[in-house]
Amino acid sequence: SGALGVAAGVIATNNNAAFSDNVGNNNWNEITAAGVANGNPAGSPQNNWAFTYGGDYTITADAADRIITAINVAGTTPVGLNIAQNTVVGSIITGGNLLPVTITAGKSLTLNGNNAV
């Protein structure tokens, strides 16, 4: 699948985007091969998709047991990732940036290289 933008995935285009968003929320866009928004609204990241922070945002993982292949924060200074439901992530592309994570009590974030891009 090559560069992260080529992997099945989406890019957050607004702060406070969430995994529970549908296309009508207009918080996610389709992503180009160059890793930027293409202007076409999309739903939130689905199982075995990657997603990119399109700005200095907070994103909430609020869909139970979602498997994300990769999170890309390389082009931003993300405010954070809120884990509100159990979530599995294959890899995090940082480009030297930090991704602050807050985990709701009783929920989990599992880093699993088997699910990486």
PDB file of N, CA and C in Angstrom:
ATOM      1  N   SER A   1       0.802  -1.203   0.000  1.00  0.00           N
ATOM      2  CA  SER A   1       0.000   0.000   0.000  1.00  0.00           C
ATOM      3  C   SER A   1       0.839   1.260   0.000  1.00  0.00           C
ATOM      4  N   GLY A   2       2.131   1.171   0.188  1.00  0.00           N
ATOM      5  CA  GLY A   2       3.002   2.337   0.042  1.00  0.00           C
ATOM      6  C   GLY A   2       2.874   3.326   1.168  1.00  0.00           C
ATOM      7  N   ALA A   3       2.843   4.610   0.848  1.00  0.00           N
ATOM      8  CA  ALA A   3       2.762   5.675   1.854  1.00  0.00           C
ATOM      9  C   ALA A   3       1.469   5.558   2.642  1.00  0.00           C
ATOM     10  N   LEU A   4       1.478   6.109   3.836  1.00  0.00           N
ATOM     11  CA  LEU A   4       0.307   6.000   4.699  1.00  0.00           C
ATOM     12  C   LEU A   4      -0.948   6.487   3.999  1.00  0.00           C
ATOM     13  N   GLY A   5      -0.865   7.552   3.247  1.00  0.00           N
ATOM     14  CA  GLY A   5      -2.036   8.088   2.582  1.00  0.00           C
ATOM     15  C   GLY A   5      -2.663   7.131   1.591  1.00  0.00           C
ATOM     16  N   VAL A   6      -1.915   6.139   1.150  1.00  0.00           N
ATOM     17  CA  VAL A   6      -2.423   5.186   0.180  1.00  0.00           C
ATOM     18  C   VAL A   6      -3.162   4.046   0.867  1.00  0.00           C
ATOM     19  N   ALA A   7      -2.825   3.786   2.127  1.00  0.00           N
ATOM     20  CA  ALA A   7      -3.535   2.762   2.879  1.00  0.00           C
ATOM     21  C   ALA A   7      -4.994   3.171   2.999  1.00  0.00           C
ATOM     22  N   ALA A   8      -5.885   2.182   3.111  1.00  0.00           N
ATOM     23  CA  ALA A   8      -7.289   2.523   3.329  1.00  0.00           C
ATOM     24  C   ALA A   8      -7.372   3.393   4.564  1.00  0.00           C
ATOM     25  N   GLY A   9      -7.959   4.552   4.413  1.00  0.00           N
ATOM     26  CA  GLY A   9      -8.020   5.421   5.571  1.00  0.00           C
ATOM     27  C   GLY A   9      -8.625   6.769   5.274  1.00  0.00           C
ATOM     28  N   VAL A  10      -8.607   7.615   6.305  1.00  0.00           N
ATOM     29  CA  VAL A  10      -9.205   8.944   6.240  1.00  0.00           C
ATOM     30  C   VAL A  10      -8.316   9.933   6.984  1.00  0.00           C
ATOM     31  N   ILE A  11      -8.631  11.213   6.837  1.00  0.00           N
ATOM     32  CA  ILE A  11      -7.904  12.272   7.529  1.00  0.00           C
ATOM     33  C   ILE A  11      -8.915  13.136   8.287  1.00  0.00           C
ATOM     34  N   ALA A  12      -8.594  13.426   9.547  1.00  0.00           N
ATOM     35  CA  ALA A  12      -9.455  14.305  10.344  1.00  0.00           C
ATOM     36  C   ALA A  12      -9.298  15.731   9.838  1.00  0.00           C
ATOM     37  N   THR A  13     -10.425  16.398   9.638  1.00  0.00           N
ATOM     38  CA  THR A  13     -10.400  17.767   9.127  1.00  0.00           C
ATOM     39  C   THR A  13     -10.953  18.779  10.124  1.00  0.00           C
ATOM     40  N   ASN A  14     -11.390  18.304  11.281  1.00  0.00           N
ATOM     41  CA  ASN A  14     -11.910  19.196  12.319  1.00  0.00           C
ATOM     42  C   ASN A  14     -11.518  18.687  13.698  1.00  0.00           C
ATOM     43  N   ASN A  15     -11.328  19.625  14.622  1.00  0.00           N
ATOM     44  CA  ASN A  15     -11.083  19.262  16.006  1.00  0.00           C
ATOM     45  C   ASN A  15     -12.298  18.511  16.554  1.00  0.00           C
ATOM     46  N   ASN A  16     -12.039  17.630  17.503  1.00  0.00           N
ATOM     47  CA  ASN A  16     -13.081  16.834  18.165  1.00  0.00           C
ATOM     48  C   ASN A  16     -13.755  15.835  17.235  1.00  0.00           C
ATOM     49  N   ALA A  17     -13.061  15.414  16.186  1.00  0.00           N
ATOM     50  CA  ALA A  17     -13.551  14.320  15.358  1.00  0.00           C
ATOM     51  C   ALA A  17     -13.600  13.060  16.220  1.00  0.00           C
ATOM     52  N   ALA A  18     -14.524  12.165  15.877  1.00  0.00           N
ATOM     53  CA  ALA A  18     -14.689  10.944  16.666  1.00  0.00           C
ATOM     54  C   ALA A  18     -14.922   9.752  15.750  1.00  0.00           C
ATOM     55  N   PHE A  19     -14.616   8.564  16.277  1.00  0.00           N
ATOM     56  CA  PHE A  19     -14.835   7.345  15.511  1.00  0.00           C
ATOM     57  C   PHE A  19     -16.325   7.113  15.256  1.00  0.00           C
ATOM     58  N   SER A  20     -17.185   7.695  16.081  1.00  0.00           N
ATOM     59  CA  SER A  20     -18.629   7.515  15.903  1.00  0.00           C
ATOM     60  C   SER A  20     -19.214   8.458  14.854  1.00  0.00           C
ATOM     61  N   ASP A  21     -18.410   9.372  14.322  1.00  0.00           N
ATOM     62  CA  ASP A  21     -18.897  10.307  13.302  1.00  0.00           C
ATOM     63  C   ASP A  21     -19.307   9.570  12.034  1.00  0.00           C
ATOM     64  N   ASN A  22     -20.370  10.066  11.404  1.00  0.00           N
ATOM     65  CA  ASN A  22     -20.687   9.586  10.064  1.00  0.00           C
ATOM     66  C   ASN A  22     -20.314  10.685   9.070  1.00  0.00           C
ATOM     67  N   VAL A  23     -20.497  10.415   7.809  1.00  0.00           N
ATOM     68  CA  VAL A  23     -20.061  11.359   6.778  1.00  0.00           C
ATOM     69  C   VAL A  23     -20.733  12.717   6.954  1.00  0.00           C
ATOM     70  N   GLY A  24     -21.957  12.739   7.472  1.00  0.00           N
ATOM     71  CA  GLY A  24     -22.686  13.983   7.657  1.00  0.00           C
ATOM     72  C   GLY A  24     -22.096  14.904   8.716  1.00  0.00           C
ATOM     73  N   ASN A  25     -21.279  14.346   9.620  1.00  0.00           N
ATOM     74  CA  ASN A  25     -20.629  15.186  10.631  1.00  0.00           C
ATOM     75  C   ASN A  25     -19.552  16.076  10.021  1.00  0.00           C
ATOM     76  N   ASN A  26     -19.063  15.695   8.832  1.00  0.00           N
ATOM     77  CA  ASN A  26     -18.055  16.472   8.106  1.00  0.00           C
ATOM     78  C   ASN A  26     -16.785  16.725   8.925  1.00  0.00           C
ATOM     79  N   ASN A  27     -16.360  15.714   9.687  1.00  0.00           N
ATOM     80  CA  ASN A  27     -15.120  15.809  10.466  1.00  0.00           C
ATOM     81  C   ASN A  27     -13.973  15.022   9.854  1.00  0.00           C
ATOM     82  N   TRP A  28     -14.253  14.257   8.808  1.00  0.00           N
ATOM     83  CA  TRP A  28     -13.248  13.411   8.160  1.00  0.00           C
ATOM     84  C   TRP A  28     -13.338  13.603   6.656  1.00  0.00           C
ATOM     85  N   ASN A  29     -12.214  13.468   5.971  1.00  0.00           N
ATOM     86  CA  ASN A  29     -12.161  13.523   4.504  1.00  0.00           C
ATOM     87  C   ASN A  29     -11.463  12.283   3.990  1.00  0.00           C
ATOM     88  N   GLU A  30     -11.743  11.975   2.731  1.00  0.00           N
ATOM     89  CA  GLU A  30     -10.912  10.999   2.038  1.00  0.00           C
ATOM     90  C   GLU A  30      -9.504  11.567   1.991  1.00  0.00           C
ATOM     91  N   ILE A  31      -8.513  10.696   1.830  1.00  0.00           N
ATOM     92  CA  ILE A  31      -7.117  11.125   1.872  1.00  0.00           C
ATOM     93  C   ILE A  31      -6.447  10.837   0.537  1.00  0.00           C
ATOM     94  N   THR A  32      -5.573  11.731   0.121  1.00  0.00           N
ATOM     95  CA  THR A  32      -4.846  11.545  -1.138  1.00  0.00           C
ATOM     96  C   THR A  32      -3.599  10.700  -0.903  1.00  0.00           C
ATOM     97  N   ALA A  33      -2.973  10.280  -1.986  1.00  0.00           N
ATOM     98  CA  ALA A  33      -1.722   9.532  -1.885  1.00  0.00           C
ATOM     99  C   ALA A  33      -0.637  10.350  -1.200  1.00  0.00           C
ATOM    100  N   ALA A  34      -0.745  11.677  -1.271  1.00  0.00           N
ATOM    101  CA  ALA A  34       0.235  12.550  -0.619  1.00  0.00           C
ATOM    102  C   ALA A  34      -0.064  12.739   0.866  1.00  0.00           C
ATOM    103  N   GLY A  35      -1.180  12.167   1.337  1.00  0.00           N
ATOM    104  CA  GLY A  35      -1.501  12.237   2.754  1.00  0.00           C
ATOM    105  C   GLY A  35      -2.244  13.480   3.188  1.00  0.00           C
ATOM    106  N   VAL A  36      -2.949  14.122   2.256  1.00  0.00           N
ATOM    107  CA  VAL A  36      -3.719  15.324   2.603  1.00  0.00           C
ATOM    108  C   VAL A  36      -5.194  15.106   2.243  1.00  0.00           C
ATOM    109  N   ALA A  37      -6.050  15.928   2.816  1.00  0.00           N
ATOM    110  CA  ALA A  37      -7.484  15.834   2.541  1.00  0.00           C
ATOM    111  C   ALA A  37      -7.756  16.168   1.079  1.00  0.00           C
ATOM    112  N   ASN A  38      -8.684  15.424   0.469  1.00  0.00           N
ATOM    113  CA  ASN A  38      -9.016  15.709  -0.927  1.00  0.00           C
ATOM    114  C   ASN A  38     -10.308  16.507  -1.056  1.00  0.00           C
ATOM    115  N   GLY A  39     -10.909  16.914   0.064  1.00  0.00           N
ATOM    116  CA  GLY A  39     -12.122  17.715   0.024  1.00  0.00           C
ATOM    117  C   GLY A  39     -13.406  16.921  -0.023  1.00  0.00           C
ATOM    118  N   ASN A  40     -13.309  15.594  -0.149  1.00  0.00           N
ATOM    119  CA  ASN A  40     -14.503  14.756  -0.174  1.00  0.00           C
ATOM    120  C   ASN A  40     -14.794  14.246   1.231  1.00  0.00           C
ATOM    121  N   PRO A  41     -15.927  14.646   1.827  1.00  0.00           N
ATOM    122  CA  PRO A  41     -16.253  14.166   3.172  1.00  0.00           C
ATOM    123  C   PRO A  41     -16.294  12.641   3.219  1.00  0.00           C
ATOM    124  N   ALA A  42     -15.889  12.109   4.355  1.00  0.00           N
ATOM    125  CA  ALA A  42     -15.859  10.663   4.553  1.00  0.00           C
ATOM    126  C   ALA A  42     -16.365  10.358   5.953  1.00  0.00           C
ATOM    127  N   GLY A  43     -16.707   9.113   6.168  1.00  0.00           N
ATOM    128  CA  GLY A  43     -17.036   8.665   7.514  1.00  0.00           C
ATOM    129  C   GLY A  43     -15.761   8.509   8.325  1.00  0.00           C
ATOM    130  N   SER A  44     -15.917   8.089   9.539  1.00  0.00           N
ATOM    131  CA  SER A  44     -14.776   7.925  10.446  1.00  0.00           C
ATOM    132  C   SER A  44     -13.978   6.670  10.104  1.00  0.00           C
ATOM    133  N   PRO A  45     -12.796   6.498  10.713  1.00  0.00           N
ATOM    134  CA  PRO A  45     -11.978   5.314  10.435  1.00  0.00           C
ATOM    135  C   PRO A  45     -12.705   4.023  10.800  1.00  0.00           C
ATOM    136  N   GLN A  46     -12.667   3.073   9.890  1.00  0.00           N
ATOM    137  CA  GLN A  46     -13.290   1.764  10.095  1.00  0.00           C
ATOM    138  C   GLN A  46     -12.211   0.738  10.438  1.00  0.00           C
ATOM    139  N   ASN A  47     -12.629  -0.484  10.753  1.00  0.00           N
ATOM    140  CA  ASN A  47     -11.664  -1.532  11.072  1.00  0.00           C
ATOM    141  C   ASN A  47     -10.657  -1.710   9.944  1.00  0.00           C
ATOM    142  N   ASN A  48      -9.404  -1.838  10.337  1.00  0.00           N
ATOM    143  CA  ASN A  48      -8.279  -2.061   9.425  1.00  0.00           C
ATOM    144  C   ASN A  48      -8.014  -0.878   8.504  1.00  0.00           C
ATOM    145  N   TRP A  49      -8.377   0.318   8.950  1.00  0.00           N
ATOM    146  CA  TRP A  49      -8.053   1.556   8.261  1.00  0.00           C
ATOM    147  C   TRP A  49      -6.991   2.296   9.054  1.00  0.00           C
ATOM    148  N   ALA A  50      -6.335   3.215   8.392  1.00  0.00           N
ATOM    149  CA  ALA A  50      -5.418   4.157   9.038  1.00  0.00           C
ATOM    150  C   ALA A  50      -6.115   5.512   9.108  1.00  0.00           C
ATOM    151  N   PHE A  51      -5.611   6.382   9.978  1.00  0.00           N
ATOM    152  CA  PHE A  51      -6.097   7.759   9.930  1.00  0.00           C
ATOM    153  C   PHE A  51      -4.975   8.730  10.243  1.00  0.00           C
ATOM    154  N   THR A  52      -5.140   9.928   9.710  1.00  0.00           N
ATOM    155  CA  THR A  52      -4.156  10.999   9.838  1.00  0.00           C
ATOM    156  C   THR A  52      -4.787  12.186  10.546  1.00  0.00           C
ATOM    157  N   TYR A  53      -4.023  12.777  11.446  1.00  0.00           N
ATOM    158  CA  TYR A  53      -4.444  14.042  12.051  1.00  0.00           C
ATOM    159  C   TYR A  53      -4.213  15.130  11.008  1.00  0.00           C
ATOM    160  N   GLY A  54      -5.263  15.834  10.597  1.00  0.00           N
ATOM    161  CA  GLY A  54      -5.140  16.903   9.615  1.00  0.00           C
ATOM    162  C   GLY A  54      -4.890  18.260  10.246  1.00  0.00           C
ATOM    163  N   GLY A  55      -4.744  18.286  11.547  1.00  0.00           N
ATOM    164  CA  GLY A  55      -4.499  19.530  12.274  1.00  0.00           C
ATOM    165  C   GLY A  55      -4.186  19.216  13.720  1.00  0.00           C
ATOM    166  N   ASP A  56      -4.033  20.249  14.516  1.00  0.00           N
ATOM    167  CA  ASP A  56      -3.694  20.089  15.934  1.00  0.00           C
ATOM    168  C   ASP A  56      -4.974  19.811  16.712  1.00  0.00           C
ATOM    169  N   TYR A  57      -5.450  18.578  16.617  1.00  0.00           N
ATOM    170  CA  TYR A  57      -6.781  18.210  17.071  1.00  0.00           C
ATOM    171  C   TYR A  57      -6.758  17.265  18.264  1.00  0.00           C
ATOM    172  N   THR A  58      -7.940  17.140  18.872  1.00  0.00           N
ATOM    173  CA  THR A  58      -8.262  16.039  19.771  1.00  0.00           C
ATOM    174  C   THR A  58      -9.204  15.121  19.005  1.00  0.00           C
ATOM    175  N   ILE A  59      -8.915  13.834  19.023  1.00  0.00           N
ATOM    176  CA  ILE A  59      -9.760  12.840  18.364  1.00  0.00           C
ATOM    177  C   ILE A  59     -10.181  11.827  19.417  1.00  0.00           C
ATOM    178  N   THR A  60     -11.439  11.396  19.356  1.00  0.00           N
ATOM    179  CA  THR A  60     -11.961  10.446  20.329  1.00  0.00           C
ATOM    180  C   THR A  60     -12.255   9.111  19.665  1.00  0.00           C
ATOM    181  N   ALA A  61     -11.638   8.061  20.208  1.00  0.00           N
ATOM    182  CA  ALA A  61     -11.871   6.687  19.757  1.00  0.00           C
ATOM    183  C   ALA A  61     -13.036   6.140  20.574  1.00  0.00           C
ATOM    184  N   ASP A  62     -14.250   6.294  20.040  1.00  0.00           N
ATOM    185  CA  ASP A  62     -15.452   5.939  20.792  1.00  0.00           C
ATOM    186  C   ASP A  62     -16.278   4.854  20.113  1.00  0.00           C
ATOM    187  N   ALA A  63     -15.638   4.042  19.279  1.00  0.00           N
ATOM    188  CA  ALA A  63     -16.291   2.888  18.661  1.00  0.00           C
ATOM    189  C   ALA A  63     -15.637   1.636  19.243  1.00  0.00           C
ATOM    190  N   ALA A  64     -16.434   0.776  19.834  1.00  0.00           N
ATOM    191  CA  ALA A  64     -15.902  -0.377  20.562  1.00  0.00           C
ATOM    192  C   ALA A  64     -15.095  -1.306  19.662  1.00  0.00           C
ATOM    193  N   ASP A  65     -13.928  -1.699  20.168  1.00  0.00           N
ATOM    194  CA  ASP A  65     -13.083  -2.732  19.552  1.00  0.00           C
ATOM    195  C   ASP A  65     -12.635  -2.403  18.134  1.00  0.00           C
ATOM    196  N   ARG A  66     -12.440  -1.129  17.838  1.00  0.00           N
ATOM    197  CA  ARG A  66     -11.960  -0.709  16.518  1.00  0.00           C
ATOM    198  C   ARG A  66     -10.491  -1.083  16.378  1.00  0.00           C
ATOM    199  N   ILE A  67     -10.112  -1.617  15.229  1.00  0.00           N
ATOM    200  CA  ILE A  67      -8.721  -1.958  14.912  1.00  0.00           C
ATOM    201  C   ILE A  67      -8.226  -0.950  13.888  1.00  0.00           C
ATOM    202  N   ILE A  68      -7.232  -0.159  14.268  1.00  0.00           N
ATOM    203  CA  ILE A  68      -6.664   0.883  13.412  1.00  0.00           C
ATOM    204  C   ILE A  68      -5.261   0.439  13.001  1.00  0.00           C
ATOM    205  N   THR A  69      -4.980   0.418  11.699  1.00  0.00           N
ATOM    206  CA  THR A  69      -3.662  -0.039  11.249  1.00  0.00           C
ATOM    207  C   THR A  69      -2.569   0.959  11.566  1.00  0.00           C
ATOM    208  N   ALA A  70      -2.872   2.264  11.474  1.00  0.00           N
ATOM    209  CA  ALA A  70      -1.856   3.281  11.757  1.00  0.00           C
ATOM    210  C   ALA A  70      -2.522   4.614  12.061  1.00  0.00           C
ATOM    211  N   ILE A  71      -1.849   5.377  12.913  1.00  0.00           N
ATOM    212  CA  ILE A  71      -2.230   6.758  13.194  1.00  0.00           C
ATOM    213  C   ILE A  71      -1.047   7.622  12.791  1.00  0.00           C
ATOM    214  N   ASN A  72      -1.296   8.638  11.975  1.00  0.00           N
ATOM    215  CA  ASN A  72      -0.228   9.520  11.510  1.00  0.00           C
ATOM    216  C   ASN A  72      -0.408  10.904  12.126  1.00  0.00           C
ATOM    217  N   VAL A  73       0.554  11.299  12.959  1.00  0.00           N
ATOM    218  CA  VAL A  73       0.543  12.641  13.554  1.00  0.00           C
ATOM    219  C   VAL A  73       1.757  13.444  13.097  1.00  0.00           C
ATOM    220  N   ALA A  74       2.464  12.945  12.086  1.00  0.00           N
ATOM    221  CA  ALA A  74       3.750  13.526  11.690  1.00  0.00           C
ATOM    222  C   ALA A  74       3.648  14.983  11.260  1.00  0.00           C
ATOM    223  N   GLY A  75       2.543  15.391  10.676  1.00  0.00           N
ATOM    224  CA  GLY A  75       2.446  16.756  10.171  1.00  0.00           C
ATOM    225  C   GLY A  75       1.791  17.736  11.124  1.00  0.00           C
ATOM    226  N   THR A  76       1.544  17.308  12.370  1.00  0.00           N
ATOM    227  CA  THR A  76       0.790  18.143  13.304  1.00  0.00           C
ATOM    228  C   THR A  76       1.414  18.096  14.691  1.00  0.00           C
ATOM    229  N   THR A  77       0.871  18.895  15.560  1.00  0.00           N
ATOM    230  CA  THR A  77       1.145  18.785  16.991  1.00  0.00           C
ATOM    231  C   THR A  77      -0.194  18.441  17.635  1.00  0.00           C
ATOM    232  N   PRO A  78      -0.531  17.146  17.684  1.00  0.00           N
ATOM    233  CA  PRO A  78      -1.870  16.770  18.125  1.00  0.00           C
ATOM    234  C   PRO A  78      -2.127  17.150  19.577  1.00  0.00           C
ATOM    235  N   VAL A  79      -3.362  17.557  19.861  1.00  0.00           N
ATOM    236  CA  VAL A  79      -3.761  17.843  21.234  1.00  0.00           C
ATOM    237  C   VAL A  79      -3.905  16.534  21.991  1.00  0.00           C
ATOM    238  N   GLY A  80      -4.486  15.516  21.338  1.00  0.00           N
ATOM    239  CA  GLY A  80      -4.590  14.237  22.023  1.00  0.00           C
ATOM    240  C   GLY A  80      -5.478  13.239  21.329  1.00  0.00           C
ATOM    241  N   LEU A  81      -5.405  12.017  21.853  1.00  0.00           N
ATOM    242  CA  LEU A  81      -6.256  10.909  21.438  1.00  0.00           C
ATOM    243  C   LEU A  81      -6.963  10.422  22.688  1.00  0.00           C
ATOM    244  N   ASN A  82      -8.280  10.513  22.693  1.00  0.00           N
ATOM    245  CA  ASN A  82      -9.074  10.038  23.824  1.00  0.00           C
ATOM    246  C   ASN A  82      -9.571   8.633  23.520  1.00  0.00           C
ATOM    247  N   ILE A  83      -9.200   7.678  24.353  1.00  0.00           N
ATOM    248  CA  ILE A  83      -9.637   6.295  24.185  1.00  0.00           C
ATOM    249  C   ILE A  83     -10.868   6.096  25.067  1.00  0.00           C
ATOM    250  N   ALA A  84     -12.060   6.134  24.455  1.00  0.00           N
ATOM    251  CA  ALA A  84     -13.311   5.987  25.188  1.00  0.00           C
ATOM    252  C   ALA A  84     -13.881   4.578  25.058  1.00  0.00           C
ATOM    253  N   GLN A  85     -13.342   3.804  24.114  1.00  0.00           N
ATOM    254  CA  GLN A  85     -13.709   2.398  23.927  1.00  0.00           C
ATOM    255  C   GLN A  85     -12.432   1.620  23.647  1.00  0.00           C
ATOM    256  N   ASN A  86     -12.445   0.314  23.897  1.00  0.00           N
ATOM    257  CA  ASN A  86     -11.266  -0.514  23.633  1.00  0.00           C
ATOM    258  C   ASN A  86     -10.858  -0.353  22.173  1.00  0.00           C
ATOM    259  N   THR A  87      -9.572  -0.078  21.963  1.00  0.00           N
ATOM    260  CA  THR A  87      -9.047   0.224  20.632  1.00  0.00           C
ATOM    261  C   THR A  87      -7.710  -0.474  20.448  1.00  0.00           C
ATOM    262  N   VAL A  88      -7.479  -1.019  19.253  1.00  0.00           N
ATOM    263  CA  VAL A  88      -6.201  -1.632  18.889  1.00  0.00           C
ATOM    264  C   VAL A  88      -5.570  -0.777  17.802  1.00  0.00           C
ATOM    265  N   VAL A  89      -4.274  -0.473  17.940  1.00  0.00           N
ATOM    266  CA  VAL A  89      -3.543   0.323  16.955  1.00  0.00           C
ATOM    267  C   VAL A  89      -2.295  -0.443  16.541  1.00  0.00           C
ATOM    268  N   GLY A  90      -2.061  -0.532  15.229  1.00  0.00           N
ATOM    269  CA  GLY A  90      -0.896  -1.240  14.714  1.00  0.00           C
ATOM    270  C   GLY A  90       0.374  -0.430  14.801  1.00  0.00           C
ATOM    271  N   SER A  91       0.334   0.843  14.429  1.00  0.00           N
ATOM    272  CA  SER A  91       1.534   1.675  14.485  1.00  0.00           C
ATOM    273  C   SER A  91       1.138   3.144  14.569  1.00  0.00           C
ATOM    274  N   ILE A  92       2.064   3.935  15.107  1.00  0.00           N
ATOM    275  CA  ILE A  92       1.862   5.375  15.206  1.00  0.00           C
ATOM    276  C   ILE A  92       3.038   6.051  14.517  1.00  0.00           C
ATOM    277  N   ILE A  93       2.755   6.809  13.471  1.00  0.00           N
ATOM    278  CA  ILE A  93       3.785   7.540  12.735  1.00  0.00           C
ATOM    279  C   ILE A  93       3.853   8.928  13.355  1.00  0.00           C
ATOM    280  N   THR A  94       4.980   9.240  13.997  1.00  0.00           N
ATOM    281  CA  THR A  94       5.045  10.474  14.781  1.00  0.00           C
ATOM    282  C   THR A  94       5.806  11.595  14.100  1.00  0.00           C
ATOM    283  N   GLY A  95       6.786  11.279  13.280  1.00  0.00           N
ATOM    284  CA  GLY A  95       7.638  12.325  12.724  1.00  0.00           C
ATOM    285  C   GLY A  95       8.288  13.151  13.821  1.00  0.00           C
ATOM    286  N   GLY A  96       8.477  12.548  14.984  1.00  0.00           N
ATOM    287  CA  GLY A  96       9.077  13.237  16.115  1.00  0.00           C
ATOM    288  C   GLY A  96       8.085  13.962  17.001  1.00  0.00           C
ATOM    289  N   ASN A  97       6.806  13.948  16.630  1.00  0.00           N
ATOM    290  CA  ASN A  97       5.773  14.598  17.441  1.00  0.00           C
ATOM    291  C   ASN A  97       5.232  13.630  18.483  1.00  0.00           C
ATOM    292  N   LEU A  98       4.756  14.160  19.586  1.00  0.00           N
ATOM    293  CA  LEU A  98       4.150  13.340  20.624  1.00  0.00           C
ATOM    294  C   LEU A  98       2.646  13.262  20.412  1.00  0.00           C
ATOM    295  N   LEU A  99       2.061  12.118  20.777  1.00  0.00           N
ATOM    296  CA  LEU A  99       0.611  11.940  20.739  1.00  0.00           C
ATOM    297  C   LEU A  99       0.136  11.679  22.165  1.00  0.00           C
ATOM    298  N   PRO A 100      -0.340  12.724  22.855  1.00  0.00           N
ATOM    299  CA  PRO A 100      -0.861  12.507  24.208  1.00  0.00           C
ATOM    300  C   PRO A 100      -2.114  11.628  24.146  1.00  0.00           C
ATOM    301  N   VAL A 101      -2.185  10.646  25.035  1.00  0.00           N
ATOM    302  CA  VAL A 101      -3.306   9.711  25.045  1.00  0.00           C
ATOM    303  C   VAL A 101      -3.967   9.732  26.420  1.00  0.00           C
ATOM    304  N   THR A 102      -5.286   9.825  26.427  1.00  0.00           N
ATOM    305  CA  THR A 102      -6.083   9.717  27.650  1.00  0.00           C
ATOM    306  C   THR A 102      -6.979   8.499  27.496  1.00  0.00           C
ATOM    307  N   ILE A 103      -6.948   7.606  28.489  1.00  0.00           N
ATOM    308  CA  ILE A 103      -7.730   6.371  28.419  1.00  0.00           C
ATOM    309  C   ILE A 103      -8.798   6.397  29.509  1.00  0.00           C
ATOM    310  N   THR A 104     -10.055   6.243  29.101  1.00  0.00           N
ATOM    311  CA  THR A 104     -11.173   6.179  30.038  1.00  0.00           C
ATOM    312  C   THR A 104     -11.001   4.957  30.933  1.00  0.00           C
ATOM    313  N   ALA A 105     -11.297   5.111  32.214  1.00  0.00           N
ATOM    314  CA  ALA A 105     -11.189   3.998  33.163  1.00  0.00           C
ATOM    315  C   ALA A 105     -11.952   2.782  32.647  1.00  0.00           C
ATOM    316  N   GLY A 106     -11.316   1.620  32.701  1.00  0.00           N
ATOM    317  CA  GLY A 106     -11.941   0.383  32.269  1.00  0.00           C
ATOM    318  C   GLY A 106     -11.815   0.099  30.787  1.00  0.00           C
ATOM    319  N   LYS A 107     -11.232   1.013  30.021  1.00  0.00           N
ATOM    320  CA  LYS A 107     -11.036   0.820  28.582  1.00  0.00           C
ATOM    321  C   LYS A 107      -9.557   0.603  28.312  1.00  0.00           C
ATOM    322  N   SER A 108      -9.216   0.195  27.087  1.00  0.00           N
ATOM    323  CA  SER A 108      -7.814  -0.111  26.802  1.00  0.00           C
ATOM    324  C   SER A 108      -7.398   0.364  25.419  1.00  0.00           C
ATOM    325  N   LEU A 109      -6.108   0.673  25.320  1.00  0.00           N
ATOM    326  CA  LEU A 109      -5.441   0.924  24.048  1.00  0.00           C
ATOM    327  C   LEU A 109      -4.378  -0.149  23.922  1.00  0.00           C
ATOM    328  N   THR A 110      -4.491  -0.985  22.906  1.00  0.00           N
ATOM    329  CA  THR A 110      -3.534  -2.059  22.676  1.00  0.00           C
ATOM    330  C   THR A 110      -2.710  -1.724  21.446  1.00  0.00           C
ATOM    331  N   LEU A 111      -1.392  -1.687  21.606  1.00  0.00           N
ATOM    332  CA  LEU A 111      -0.498  -1.494  20.466  1.00  0.00           C
ATOM    333  C   LEU A 111      -0.083  -2.876  19.989  1.00  0.00           C
ATOM    334  N   ASN A 112      -0.375  -3.183  18.732  1.00  0.00           N
ATOM    335  CA  ASN A 112      -0.181  -4.527  18.213  1.00  0.00           C
ATOM    336  C   ASN A 112       0.420  -4.442  16.823  1.00  0.00           C
ATOM    337  N   GLY A 113       1.710  -4.690  16.711  1.00  0.00           N
ATOM    338  CA  GLY A 113       2.399  -4.617  15.429  1.00  0.00           C
ATOM    339  C   GLY A 113       1.833  -5.538  14.373  1.00  0.00           C
ATOM    340  N   ASN A 114       1.098  -6.575  14.779  1.00  0.00           N
ATOM    341  CA  ASN A 114       0.488  -7.474  13.802  1.00  0.00           C
ATOM    342  C   ASN A 114      -0.563  -6.764  12.968  1.00  0.00           C
ATOM    343  N   ASN A 115      -1.087  -5.655  13.481  1.00  0.00           N
ATOM    344  CA  ASN A 115      -2.111  -4.903  12.757  1.00  0.00           C
ATOM    345  C   ASN A 115      -1.532  -3.686  12.051  1.00  0.00           C
ATOM    346  N   ALA A 116      -0.209  -3.561  12.008  1.00  0.00           N
ATOM    347  CA  ALA A 116       0.435  -2.389  11.414  1.00  0.00           C
ATOM    348  C   ALA A 116       0.305  -2.393   9.898  1.00  0.00           C
ATOM    349  N   VAL A 117       0.436  -1.202   9.316  1.00  0.00           N
ATOM    350  CA  VAL A 117       0.415  -1.049   7.857  1.00  0.00           C
ATOM    351  C   VAL A 117       1.636  -1.746   7.296  1.00  0.00           C
TER     352      VAL A 117
END
